[in-house]
N, C-alpha and C. Protein backbone atom coordinates (compact mmCIF):
# COMPACT_ATOMS: atom_id res chain seq x y z
N UNK A 1 1.28 45.46 -36.36
CA UNK A 1 2.57 45.27 -36.99
C UNK A 1 3.24 43.98 -36.50
N UNK A 2 3.13 43.72 -35.18
CA UNK A 2 3.73 42.51 -34.62
C UNK A 2 3.04 41.27 -35.18
N UNK A 3 1.73 41.36 -35.38
CA UNK A 3 0.97 40.23 -35.89
C UNK A 3 1.39 39.90 -37.33
N UNK A 4 1.58 40.92 -38.14
CA UNK A 4 2.00 40.71 -39.53
C UNK A 4 3.41 40.11 -39.59
N UNK A 5 4.29 40.57 -38.72
CA UNK A 5 5.65 40.04 -38.67
C UNK A 5 5.64 38.58 -38.23
N UNK A 6 4.80 38.24 -37.27
CA UNK A 6 4.69 36.86 -36.80
C UNK A 6 4.17 35.94 -37.91
N UNK A 7 3.17 36.40 -38.65
CA UNK A 7 2.63 35.63 -39.77
C UNK A 7 3.70 35.44 -40.85
N UNK A 8 4.47 36.47 -41.12
CA UNK A 8 5.54 36.40 -42.11
C UNK A 8 6.63 35.41 -41.69
N UNK A 9 7.00 35.40 -40.44
CA UNK A 9 8.02 34.48 -39.93
C UNK A 9 7.52 33.04 -39.99
N UNK A 10 6.28 32.79 -39.59
CA UNK A 10 5.71 31.44 -39.62
C UNK A 10 5.59 30.94 -41.06
N UNK A 11 5.15 31.79 -41.97
CA UNK A 11 5.04 31.41 -43.37
C UNK A 11 6.42 31.09 -43.96
N UNK A 12 7.41 31.88 -43.64
CA UNK A 12 8.76 31.62 -44.10
C UNK A 12 9.31 30.30 -43.57
N UNK A 13 9.02 29.99 -42.32
CA UNK A 13 9.48 28.73 -41.73
C UNK A 13 8.80 27.54 -42.40
N UNK A 14 7.50 27.64 -42.70
CA UNK A 14 6.80 26.55 -43.38
C UNK A 14 7.33 26.34 -44.80
N UNK A 15 7.65 27.41 -45.49
CA UNK A 15 8.22 27.29 -46.84
C UNK A 15 9.61 26.66 -46.77
N UNK A 16 10.39 27.05 -45.79
CA UNK A 16 11.73 26.48 -45.62
C UNK A 16 11.65 24.98 -45.34
N UNK A 17 10.71 24.56 -44.50
CA UNK A 17 10.53 23.14 -44.21
C UNK A 17 10.06 22.39 -45.44
N UNK A 18 9.15 22.98 -46.22
CA UNK A 18 8.66 22.32 -47.44
C UNK A 18 9.76 22.18 -48.49
N UNK A 19 10.70 23.09 -48.51
CA UNK A 19 11.80 23.01 -49.46
C UNK A 19 12.86 21.99 -49.04
N UNK A 20 12.95 21.67 -47.76
CA UNK A 20 14.03 20.83 -47.26
C UNK A 20 13.66 19.39 -46.94
N UNK A 21 12.37 19.05 -46.88
CA UNK A 21 11.98 17.71 -46.45
C UNK A 21 10.91 17.11 -47.34
N UNK A 22 10.98 15.76 -47.49
CA UNK A 22 9.92 14.98 -48.10
C UNK A 22 9.05 14.46 -46.96
N UNK A 23 7.74 14.62 -47.05
CA UNK A 23 6.81 14.07 -46.09
C UNK A 23 6.17 12.85 -46.74
N UNK A 24 6.45 11.67 -46.21
CA UNK A 24 6.02 10.43 -46.84
C UNK A 24 4.96 9.78 -45.95
N UNK A 25 3.77 9.58 -46.50
CA UNK A 25 2.67 8.96 -45.80
C UNK A 25 2.71 7.46 -46.05
N UNK A 26 2.97 6.69 -45.00
CA UNK A 26 3.06 5.24 -45.10
C UNK A 26 1.73 4.63 -44.63
N UNK A 27 1.65 3.30 -44.62
CA UNK A 27 0.43 2.62 -44.18
C UNK A 27 0.08 2.92 -42.72
N UNK A 28 1.05 2.78 -41.84
CA UNK A 28 0.77 2.94 -40.41
C UNK A 28 1.47 4.13 -39.77
N UNK A 29 2.36 4.77 -40.48
CA UNK A 29 3.10 5.89 -39.89
C UNK A 29 3.43 6.95 -40.93
N UNK A 30 4.21 7.90 -40.52
CA UNK A 30 4.56 9.07 -41.31
C UNK A 30 6.07 9.22 -41.26
N UNK A 31 6.73 9.29 -42.40
CA UNK A 31 8.20 9.41 -42.45
C UNK A 31 8.59 10.80 -42.94
N UNK A 32 9.71 11.27 -42.46
CA UNK A 32 10.28 12.54 -42.86
C UNK A 32 11.66 12.26 -43.43
N UNK A 33 11.92 12.74 -44.65
CA UNK A 33 13.16 12.45 -45.34
C UNK A 33 13.76 13.74 -45.85
N UNK A 34 15.04 13.96 -45.58
CA UNK A 34 15.72 15.19 -46.01
C UNK A 34 15.90 15.18 -47.52
N UNK A 35 15.58 16.30 -48.18
CA UNK A 35 15.73 16.43 -49.63
C UNK A 35 17.19 16.70 -49.99
N UNK A 36 17.54 16.30 -51.21
CA UNK A 36 18.88 16.55 -51.73
C UNK A 36 18.94 17.94 -52.37
N UNK A 37 17.85 18.33 -53.05
CA UNK A 37 17.78 19.63 -53.72
C UNK A 37 16.64 20.45 -53.13
N UNK A 38 16.78 21.76 -53.15
CA UNK A 38 15.74 22.64 -52.63
C UNK A 38 14.67 22.88 -53.70
N UNK A 39 13.63 22.06 -53.70
CA UNK A 39 12.52 22.22 -54.63
C UNK A 39 11.23 21.90 -53.90
N UNK A 40 10.11 22.26 -54.53
CA UNK A 40 8.81 21.89 -53.99
C UNK A 40 8.33 20.56 -54.56
N UNK A 41 9.10 19.96 -55.48
CA UNK A 41 8.71 18.69 -56.08
C UNK A 41 8.75 17.57 -55.04
N UNK A 42 7.73 16.75 -55.04
CA UNK A 42 7.63 15.59 -54.15
C UNK A 42 7.73 15.95 -52.68
N UNK A 43 7.15 17.05 -52.28
CA UNK A 43 7.15 17.41 -50.88
C UNK A 43 6.25 16.46 -50.10
N UNK A 44 5.07 16.17 -50.63
CA UNK A 44 4.16 15.22 -50.00
C UNK A 44 4.02 14.01 -50.91
N UNK A 45 4.37 12.82 -50.38
CA UNK A 45 4.37 11.59 -51.16
C UNK A 45 3.46 10.59 -50.47
N UNK A 46 2.56 9.98 -51.24
CA UNK A 46 1.67 8.94 -50.73
C UNK A 46 2.25 7.58 -51.07
N UNK A 47 2.65 6.82 -50.05
CA UNK A 47 3.22 5.49 -50.26
C UNK A 47 2.40 4.45 -49.52
N UNK A 48 1.08 4.54 -49.63
CA UNK A 48 0.19 3.59 -48.97
C UNK A 48 -0.29 2.54 -49.96
N UNK A 49 -0.52 1.35 -49.46
CA UNK A 49 -1.13 0.29 -50.24
C UNK A 49 -0.38 -0.07 -51.50
N UNK A 50 -1.09 -0.08 -52.62
CA UNK A 50 -0.50 -0.49 -53.90
C UNK A 50 0.51 0.52 -54.42
N UNK A 51 0.46 1.76 -53.93
CA UNK A 51 1.39 2.81 -54.38
C UNK A 51 2.71 2.78 -53.62
N UNK A 52 2.92 1.76 -52.80
CA UNK A 52 4.09 1.71 -51.94
C UNK A 52 5.41 1.68 -52.70
N UNK A 53 5.45 1.02 -53.86
CA UNK A 53 6.70 0.87 -54.60
C UNK A 53 6.89 1.93 -55.68
N UNK A 54 5.89 2.76 -55.91
CA UNK A 54 5.99 3.82 -56.91
C UNK A 54 7.06 4.87 -56.55
N UNK A 55 7.20 5.27 -55.28
CA UNK A 55 8.25 6.26 -54.95
C UNK A 55 9.67 5.74 -55.18
N UNK A 56 9.87 4.43 -55.20
CA UNK A 56 11.21 3.89 -55.44
C UNK A 56 11.71 4.21 -56.85
N UNK A 57 10.79 4.45 -57.78
CA UNK A 57 11.15 4.74 -59.16
C UNK A 57 11.44 6.22 -59.41
N UNK A 58 11.15 7.05 -58.43
CA UNK A 58 11.35 8.49 -58.56
C UNK A 58 12.82 8.83 -58.30
N UNK A 59 13.53 9.46 -59.25
CA UNK A 59 14.97 9.73 -59.07
C UNK A 59 15.30 10.65 -57.89
N UNK A 60 14.49 11.67 -57.65
CA UNK A 60 14.81 12.58 -56.55
C UNK A 60 14.60 11.91 -55.19
N UNK A 61 13.60 11.04 -55.09
CA UNK A 61 13.41 10.31 -53.85
C UNK A 61 14.47 9.24 -53.65
N UNK A 62 14.92 8.65 -54.75
CA UNK A 62 15.98 7.64 -54.65
C UNK A 62 17.28 8.26 -54.16
N UNK A 63 17.60 9.48 -54.63
CA UNK A 63 18.81 10.17 -54.17
C UNK A 63 18.73 10.52 -52.69
N UNK A 64 17.51 10.82 -52.22
CA UNK A 64 17.33 11.19 -50.83
C UNK A 64 17.36 9.99 -49.90
N UNK A 65 17.22 8.78 -50.44
CA UNK A 65 17.31 7.58 -49.63
C UNK A 65 15.98 6.98 -49.23
N UNK A 66 15.02 6.98 -50.15
CA UNK A 66 13.70 6.44 -49.85
C UNK A 66 13.76 4.93 -49.58
N UNK A 67 14.73 4.26 -50.17
CA UNK A 67 14.85 2.81 -49.99
C UNK A 67 15.09 2.47 -48.52
N UNK A 68 15.89 3.26 -47.82
CA UNK A 68 16.13 3.03 -46.40
C UNK A 68 14.92 3.38 -45.54
N UNK A 69 14.12 4.32 -45.99
CA UNK A 69 12.93 4.74 -45.23
C UNK A 69 11.82 3.71 -45.32
N UNK A 70 11.74 3.00 -46.45
CA UNK A 70 10.71 1.99 -46.60
C UNK A 70 11.15 0.71 -45.93
């Protein structure tokens, strides 16, 4: 019973984190950006190489402040 409760708490925490943050993979590092709305959209964003400027065109990332993160 304790094991099931622990798994449930960890799963809930991971879902809460995925709803609240954008995880942005950059060329040399990894950025974490707070979301404006609670959604699963754009939770993981690839901004490496030629795709670096593509996230700037995304409205939800622009509201969250991706321009300052880049």
